[in-house]
PDB file of N, CA and C in Angstrom:
ATOM      1  N   MET A   1      74.380 134.287 136.363  1.00  0.00           N
ATOM      2  CA  MET A   1      73.164 133.520 136.246  1.00  0.00           C
ATOM      3  C   MET A   1      73.234 132.388 137.265  1.00  0.00           C
ATOM      4  N   LYS A   2      72.287 132.391 138.152  1.00  0.00           N
ATOM      5  CA  LYS A   2      72.284 131.407 139.226  1.00  0.00           C
ATOM      6  C   LYS A   2      72.005 130.011 138.670  1.00  0.00           C
ATOM      7  N   GLY A   3      72.814 129.068 139.098  1.00  0.00           N
ATOM      8  CA  GLY A   3      72.602 127.684 138.691  1.00  0.00           C
ATOM      9  C   GLY A   3      73.255 127.317 137.378  1.00  0.00           C
ATOM     10  N   TRP A   4      73.897 128.261 136.732  1.00  0.00           N
ATOM     11  CA  TRP A   4      74.543 127.954 135.450  1.00  0.00           C
ATOM     12  C   TRP A   4      75.962 127.513 135.706  1.00  0.00           C
ATOM     13  N   SER A   5      76.253 126.259 135.493  1.00  0.00           N
ATOM     14  CA  SER A   5      77.564 125.705 135.808  1.00  0.00           C
ATOM     15  C   SER A   5      78.541 125.847 134.649  1.00  0.00           C
ATOM     16  N   GLY A   6      78.101 126.330 133.514  1.00  0.00           N
ATOM     17  CA  GLY A   6      78.974 126.473 132.356  1.00  0.00           C
ATOM     18  C   GLY A   6      80.035 127.535 132.546  1.00  0.00           C
ATOM     19  N   TYR A   7      79.815 128.455 133.476  1.00  0.00           N
ATOM     20  CA  TYR A   7      80.781 129.533 133.677  1.00  0.00           C
ATOM     21  C   TYR A   7      82.125 129.008 134.158  1.00  0.00           C
ATOM     22  N   GLN A   8      82.125 128.062 135.065  1.00  0.00           N
ATOM     23  CA  GLN A   8      83.383 127.557 135.592  1.00  0.00           C
ATOM     24  C   GLN A   8      84.208 126.861 134.514  1.00  0.00           C
ATOM     25  N   ASN A   9      83.577 126.276 133.545  1.00  0.00           N
ATOM     26  CA  ASN A   9      84.276 125.525 132.505  1.00  0.00           C
ATOM     27  C   ASN A   9      84.446 126.309 131.215  1.00  0.00           C
ATOM     28  N   SER A  10      84.012 127.575 131.197  1.00  0.00           N
ATOM     29  CA  SER A  10      84.093 128.344 129.961  1.00  0.00           C
ATOM     30  C   SER A  10      85.537 128.740 129.673  1.00  0.00           C
ATOM     31  N   PRO A  11      85.891 128.871 128.398  1.00  0.00           N
ATOM     32  CA  PRO A  11      87.258 129.265 128.054  1.00  0.00           C
ATOM     33  C   PRO A  11      87.589 130.677 128.535  1.00  0.00           C
ATOM     34  N   ILE A  12      86.579 131.520 128.720  1.00  0.00           N
ATOM     35  CA  ILE A  12      86.809 132.879 129.194  1.00  0.00           C
ATOM     36  C   ILE A  12      87.336 132.854 130.620  1.00  0.00           C
ATOM     37  N   ASN A  13      86.863 131.922 131.408  1.00  0.00           N
ATOM     38  CA  ASN A  13      87.247 131.839 132.808  1.00  0.00           C
ATOM     39  C   ASN A  13      88.604 131.169 132.997  1.00  0.00           C
ATOM     40  N   LYS A  14      89.098 130.456 131.989  1.00  0.00           N
ATOM     41  CA  LYS A  14      90.383 129.770 132.116  1.00  0.00           C
ATOM     42  C   LYS A  14      91.531 130.759 132.011  1.00  0.00           C
ATOM     43  N   LYS A  15      92.601 130.469 132.685  1.00  0.00           N
ATOM     44  CA  LYS A  15      93.763 131.342 132.687  1.00  0.00           C
ATOM     45  C   LYS A  15      94.495 131.228 131.352  1.00  0.00           C
ATOM     46  N   ILE A  16      94.654 132.353 130.686  1.00  0.00           N
ATOM     47  CA  ILE A  16      95.297 132.369 129.374  1.00  0.00           C
ATOM     48  C   ILE A  16      96.742 132.842 129.497  1.00  0.00           C
ATOM     49  N   TRP A  17      97.034 133.710 130.439  1.00  0.00           N
ATOM     50  CA  TRP A  17      98.365 134.267 130.605  1.00  0.00           C
ATOM     51  C   TRP A  17      98.997 133.701 131.850  1.00  0.00           C
ATOM     52  N   PRO A  18     100.228 133.451 131.975  1.00  0.00           N
ATOM     53  CA  PRO A  18     101.303 133.687 131.030  1.00  0.00           C
ATOM     54  C   PRO A  18     101.347 132.627 129.940  1.00  0.00           C
ATOM     55  N   PRO A  19     102.052 132.909 128.870  1.00  0.00           N
ATOM     56  CA  PRO A  19     102.142 131.932 127.783  1.00  0.00           C
ATOM     57  C   PRO A  19     102.841 130.656 128.245  1.00  0.00           C
ATOM     58  N   THR A  20     102.761 129.635 127.432  1.00  0.00           N
ATOM     59  CA  THR A  20     103.366 128.369 127.794  1.00  0.00           C
ATOM     60  C   THR A  20     104.863 128.523 127.997  1.00  0.00           C
ATOM     61  N   LYS A  21     105.436 127.650 128.744  1.00  0.00           N
ATOM     62  CA  LYS A  21     106.842 127.740 129.112  1.00  0.00           C
ATOM     63  C   LYS A  21     107.734 127.823 127.869  1.00  0.00           C
ATOM     64  N   GLY A  22     108.649 128.761 127.908  1.00  0.00           N
ATOM     65  CA  GLY A  22     109.584 128.928 126.807  1.00  0.00           C
ATOM     66  C   GLY A  22     109.161 129.946 125.773  1.00  0.00           C
ATOM     67  N   ASP A  23     107.889 130.327 125.744  1.00  0.00           N
ATOM     68  CA  ASP A  23     107.428 131.264 124.731  1.00  0.00           C
ATOM     69  C   ASP A  23     107.768 132.708 125.051  1.00  0.00           C
ATOM     70  N   ASN A  24     108.109 132.996 126.290  1.00  0.00           N
ATOM     71  CA  ASN A  24     108.330 134.384 126.653  1.00  0.00           C
ATOM     72  C   ASN A  24     109.786 134.647 127.048  1.00  0.00           C
ATOM     73  N   THR A  25     110.688 133.789 126.672  1.00  0.00           N
ATOM     74  CA  THR A  25     112.086 133.989 127.025  1.00  0.00           C
ATOM     75  C   THR A  25     112.723 134.995 126.070  1.00  0.00           C
ATOM     76  N   LEU A  26     113.795 135.584 126.505  1.00  0.00           N
ATOM     77  CA  LEU A  26     114.493 136.548 125.658  1.00  0.00           C
ATOM     78  C   LEU A  26     115.041 135.889 124.402  1.00  0.00           C
ATOM     79  N   GLU A  27     115.518 134.655 124.539  1.00  0.00           N
ATOM     80  CA  GLU A  27     116.050 133.946 123.372  1.00  0.00           C
ATOM     81  C   GLU A  27     114.958 133.718 122.333  1.00  0.00           C
ATOM     82  N   TYR A  28     113.779 133.340 122.797  1.00  0.00           N
ATOM     83  CA  TYR A  28     112.653 133.104 121.892  1.00  0.00           C
ATOM     84  C   TYR A  28     112.279 134.393 121.169  1.00  0.00           C
ATOM     85  N   GLN A  29     112.216 135.498 121.912  1.00  0.00           N
ATOM     86  CA  GLN A  29     111.855 136.770 121.309  1.00  0.00           C
ATOM     87  C   GLN A  29     112.898 137.201 120.273  1.00  0.00           C
ATOM     88  N   GLU A  30     114.156 136.970 120.555  1.00  0.00           N
ATOM     89  CA  GLU A  30     115.225 137.324 119.625  1.00  0.00           C
ATOM     90  C   GLU A  30     115.140 136.460 118.358  1.00  0.00           C
ATOM     91  N   GLU A  31     114.908 135.167 118.511  1.00  0.00           N
ATOM     92  CA  GLU A  31     114.774 134.274 117.354  1.00  0.00           C
ATOM     93  C   GLU A  31     113.567 134.653 116.510  1.00  0.00           C
ATOM     94  N   LEU A  32     112.482 135.013 117.167  1.00  0.00           N
ATOM     95  CA  LEU A  32     111.275 135.426 116.449  1.00  0.00           C
ATOM     96  C   LEU A  32     111.536 136.701 115.656  1.00  0.00           C
ATOM     97  N   ARG A  33     112.210 137.665 116.256  1.00  0.00           N
ATOM     98  CA  ARG A  33     112.522 138.911 115.569  1.00  0.00           C
ATOM     99  C   ARG A  33     113.401 138.641 114.346  1.00  0.00           C
ATOM    100  N   GLU A  34     114.402 137.794 114.510  1.00  0.00           N
ATOM    101  CA  GLU A  34     115.294 137.466 113.390  1.00  0.00           C
ATOM    102  C   GLU A  34     114.543 136.725 112.286  1.00  0.00           C
ATOM    103  N   ALA A  35     113.646 135.822 112.656  1.00  0.00           N
ATOM    104  CA  ALA A  35     112.862 135.088 111.656  1.00  0.00           C
ATOM    105  C   ALA A  35     111.961 136.048 110.882  1.00  0.00           C
ATOM    106  N   ASN A  36     111.361 136.999 111.568  1.00  0.00           N
ATOM    107  CA  ASN A  36     110.523 137.988 110.900  1.00  0.00           C
ATOM    108  C   ASN A  36     111.350 138.850 109.957  1.00  0.00           C
ATOM    109  N   GLU A  37     112.544 139.239 110.391  1.00  0.00           N
ATOM    110  CA  GLU A  37     113.415 140.037 109.523  1.00  0.00           C
ATOM    111  C   GLU A  37     113.826 139.267 108.277  1.00  0.00           C
ATOM    112  N   ARG A  38     114.110 137.975 108.423  1.00  0.00           N
ATOM    113  CA  ARG A  38     114.469 137.153 107.252  1.00  0.00           C
ATOM    114  C   ARG A  38     113.285 137.047 106.290  1.00  0.00           C
ATOM    115  N   ALA A  39     112.080 136.875 106.824  1.00  0.00           N
ATOM    116  CA  ALA A  39     110.897 136.765 105.965  1.00  0.00           C
ATOM    117  C   ALA A  39     110.641 138.076 105.227  1.00  0.00           C
ATOM    118  N   ILE A  40     110.829 139.187 105.898  1.00  0.00           N
ATOM    119  CA  ILE A  40     110.646 140.481 105.247  1.00  0.00           C
ATOM    120  C   ILE A  40     111.725 140.694 104.189  1.00  0.00           C
ATOM    121  N   ALA A  41     112.939 140.267 104.477  1.00  0.00           N
ATOM    122  CA  ALA A  41     114.028 140.397 103.500  1.00  0.00           C
ATOM    123  C   ALA A  41     113.737 139.579 102.238  1.00  0.00           C
ATOM    124  N   LYS A  42     113.144 138.398 102.403  1.00  0.00           N
ATOM    125  CA  LYS A  42     112.776 137.583 101.227  1.00  0.00           C
ATOM    126  C   LYS A  42     111.750 138.312 100.373  1.00  0.00           C
ATOM    127  N   GLN A  43     110.750 138.915 101.034  1.00  0.00           N
ATOM    128  CA  GLN A  43     109.719 139.643 100.295  1.00  0.00           C
ATOM    129  C   GLN A  43     110.320 140.875  99.628  1.00  0.00           C
ATOM    130  N   LYS A  44     111.268 141.530 100.293  1.00  0.00           N
ATOM    131  CA  LYS A  44     111.940 142.703  99.723  1.00  0.00           C
ATOM    132  C   LYS A  44     112.716 142.310  98.467  1.00  0.00           C
ATOM    133  N   ALA A  45     113.349 141.143  98.503  1.00  0.00           N
ATOM    134  CA  ALA A  45     114.078 140.660  97.328  1.00  0.00           C
ATOM    135  C   ALA A  45     113.119 140.411  96.164  1.00  0.00           C
ATOM    136  N   LEU A  46     111.950 139.853  96.462  1.00  0.00           N
ATOM    137  CA  LEU A  46     110.948 139.640  95.404  1.00  0.00           C
ATOM    138  C   LEU A  46     110.463 140.966  94.840  1.00  0.00           C
ATOM    139  N   TYR A  47     110.272 141.949  95.714  1.00  0.00           N
ATOM    140  CA  TYR A  47     109.840 143.271  95.266  1.00  0.00           C
ATOM    141  C   TYR A  47     110.914 143.933  94.404  1.00  0.00           C
ATOM    142  N   ASP A  48     112.165 143.839  94.847  1.00  0.00           N
ATOM    143  CA  ASP A  48     113.268 144.441  94.093  1.00  0.00           C
ATOM    144  C   ASP A  48     113.444 143.802  92.724  1.00  0.00           C
ATOM    145  N   SER A  49     113.153 142.509  92.625  1.00  0.00           N
ATOM    146  CA  SER A  49     113.299 141.829  91.338  1.00  0.00           C
ATOM    147  C   SER A  49     112.078 142.051  90.439  1.00  0.00           C
ATOM    148  N   GLY A  50     111.027 142.660  90.964  1.00  0.00           N
ATOM    149  CA  GLY A  50     109.850 142.970  90.160  1.00  0.00           C
ATOM    150  C   GLY A  50     108.815 141.866  90.109  1.00  0.00           C
ATOM    151  N   LYS A  51     108.959 140.849  90.937  1.00  0.00           N
ATOM    152  CA  LYS A  51     108.013 139.732  90.916  1.00  0.00           C
ATOM    153  C   LYS A  51     106.727 140.032  91.682  1.00  0.00           C
ATOM    154  N   ILE A  52     106.775 140.986  92.621  1.00  0.00           N
ATOM    155  CA  ILE A  52     105.565 141.399  93.329  1.00  0.00           C
ATOM    156  C   ILE A  52     105.492 142.926  93.303  1.00  0.00           C
ATOM    157  N   THR A  53     104.293 143.452  93.483  1.00  0.00           N
ATOM    158  CA  THR A  53     104.096 144.896  93.461  1.00  0.00           C
ATOM    159  C   THR A  53     104.379 145.491  94.834  1.00  0.00           C
ATOM    160  N   LYS A  54     104.453 146.816  94.850  1.00  0.00           N
ATOM    161  CA  LYS A  54     104.705 147.519  96.107  1.00  0.00           C
ATOM    162  C   LYS A  54     103.562 147.272  97.093  1.00  0.00           C
ATOM    163  N   GLU A  55     102.335 147.246  96.606  1.00  0.00           N
ATOM    164  CA  GLU A  55     101.184 147.000  97.466  1.00  0.00           C
ATOM    165  C   GLU A  55     101.255 145.607  98.094  1.00  0.00           C
ATOM    166  N   GLN A  56     101.657 144.612  97.287  1.00  0.00           N
ATOM    167  CA  GLN A  56     101.811 143.258  97.818  1.00  0.00           C
ATOM    168  C   GLN A  56     102.914 143.205  98.862  1.00  0.00           C
ATOM    169  N   PHE A  57     104.027 143.894  98.593  1.00  0.00           N
ATOM    170  CA  PHE A  57     105.134 143.917  99.545  1.00  0.00           C
ATOM    171  C   PHE A  57     104.710 144.555 100.863  1.00  0.00           C
ATOM    172  N   GLU A  58     104.029 145.688 100.796  1.00  0.00           N
ATOM    173  CA  GLU A  58     103.573 146.367 102.019  1.00  0.00           C
ATOM    174  C   GLU A  58     102.584 145.492 102.787  1.00  0.00           C
ATOM    175  N   SER A  59     101.697 144.829 102.076  1.00  0.00           N
ATOM    176  CA  SER A  59     100.729 143.938 102.713  1.00  0.00           C
ATOM    177  C   SER A  59     101.424 142.762 103.394  1.00  0.00           C
ATOM    178  N   ASP A  60     102.373 142.163 102.685  1.00  0.00           N
ATOM    179  CA  ASP A  60     103.124 141.034 103.253  1.00  0.00           C
ATOM    180  C   ASP A  60     103.940 141.469 104.461  1.00  0.00           C
ATOM    181  N   LYS A  61     104.555 142.633 104.368  1.00  0.00           N
ATOM    182  CA  LYS A  61     105.362 143.155 105.471  1.00  0.00           C
ATOM    183  C   LYS A  61     104.500 143.374 106.718  1.00  0.00           C
ATOM    184  N   LYS A  62     103.310 143.909 106.509  1.00  0.00           N
ATOM    185  CA  LYS A  62     102.387 144.143 107.628  1.00  0.00           C
ATOM    186  C   LYS A  62     101.959 142.819 108.254  1.00  0.00           C
ATOM    187  N   GLU A  63     101.674 141.825 107.406  1.00  0.00           N
ATOM    188  CA  GLU A  63     101.265 140.511 107.911  1.00  0.00           C
ATOM    189  C   GLU A  63     102.403 139.822 108.656  1.00  0.00           C
ATOM    190  N   ILE A  64     103.599 139.867 108.115  1.00  0.00           N
ATOM    191  CA  ILE A  64     104.753 139.217 108.743  1.00  0.00           C
ATOM    192  C   ILE A  64     105.039 139.834 110.108  1.00  0.00           C
ATOM    193  N   SER A  65     104.870 141.135 110.233  1.00  0.00           N
ATOM    194  CA  SER A  65     105.150 141.788 111.501  1.00  0.00           C
ATOM    195  C   SER A  65     104.178 141.356 112.592  1.00  0.00           C
ATOM    196  N   LYS A  66     103.059 140.761 112.232  1.00  0.00           N
ATOM    197  CA  LYS A  66     102.078 140.273 113.204  1.00  0.00           C
ATOM    198  C   LYS A  66     102.380 138.850 113.670  1.00  0.00           C
ATOM    199  N   TYR A  67     103.322 138.181 113.029  1.00  0.00           N
ATOM    200  CA  TYR A  67     103.636 136.794 113.401  1.00  0.00           C
ATOM    201  C   TYR A  67     104.107 136.717 114.850  1.00  0.00           C
ATOM    202  N   VAL A  68     103.617 135.741 115.575  1.00  0.00           N
ATOM    203  CA  VAL A  68     104.037 135.531 116.956  1.00  0.00           C
ATOM    204  C   VAL A  68     104.717 134.179 117.122  1.00  0.00           C
ATOM    205  N   ASP A  69     104.818 133.435 116.041  1.00  0.00           N
ATOM    206  CA  ASP A  69     105.479 132.140 116.045  1.00  0.00           C
ATOM    207  C   ASP A  69     106.202 132.000 114.723  1.00  0.00           C
ATOM    208  N   TYR A  70     107.305 131.316 114.730  1.00  0.00           N
ATOM    209  CA  TYR A  70     108.054 131.146 113.490  1.00  0.00           C
ATOM    210  C   TYR A  70     108.206 129.713 113.126  1.00  0.00           C
TER     211      TYR A  70
END
């Protein structure tokens, strides 16, 4: 659209990748994986003790696997 200056300042036009410094390091990815595994293990313990249902455990496990920050 000619004359529309909002394009230059729109969030779509801003550079989103690469992530901020430190977010894409191997150490960060390893810590994130371990944190996700610990969270899933906690939910598994709750499921094994009968405090949550299998459906809740599967739902929580699916949600935890989507975490990108710990």
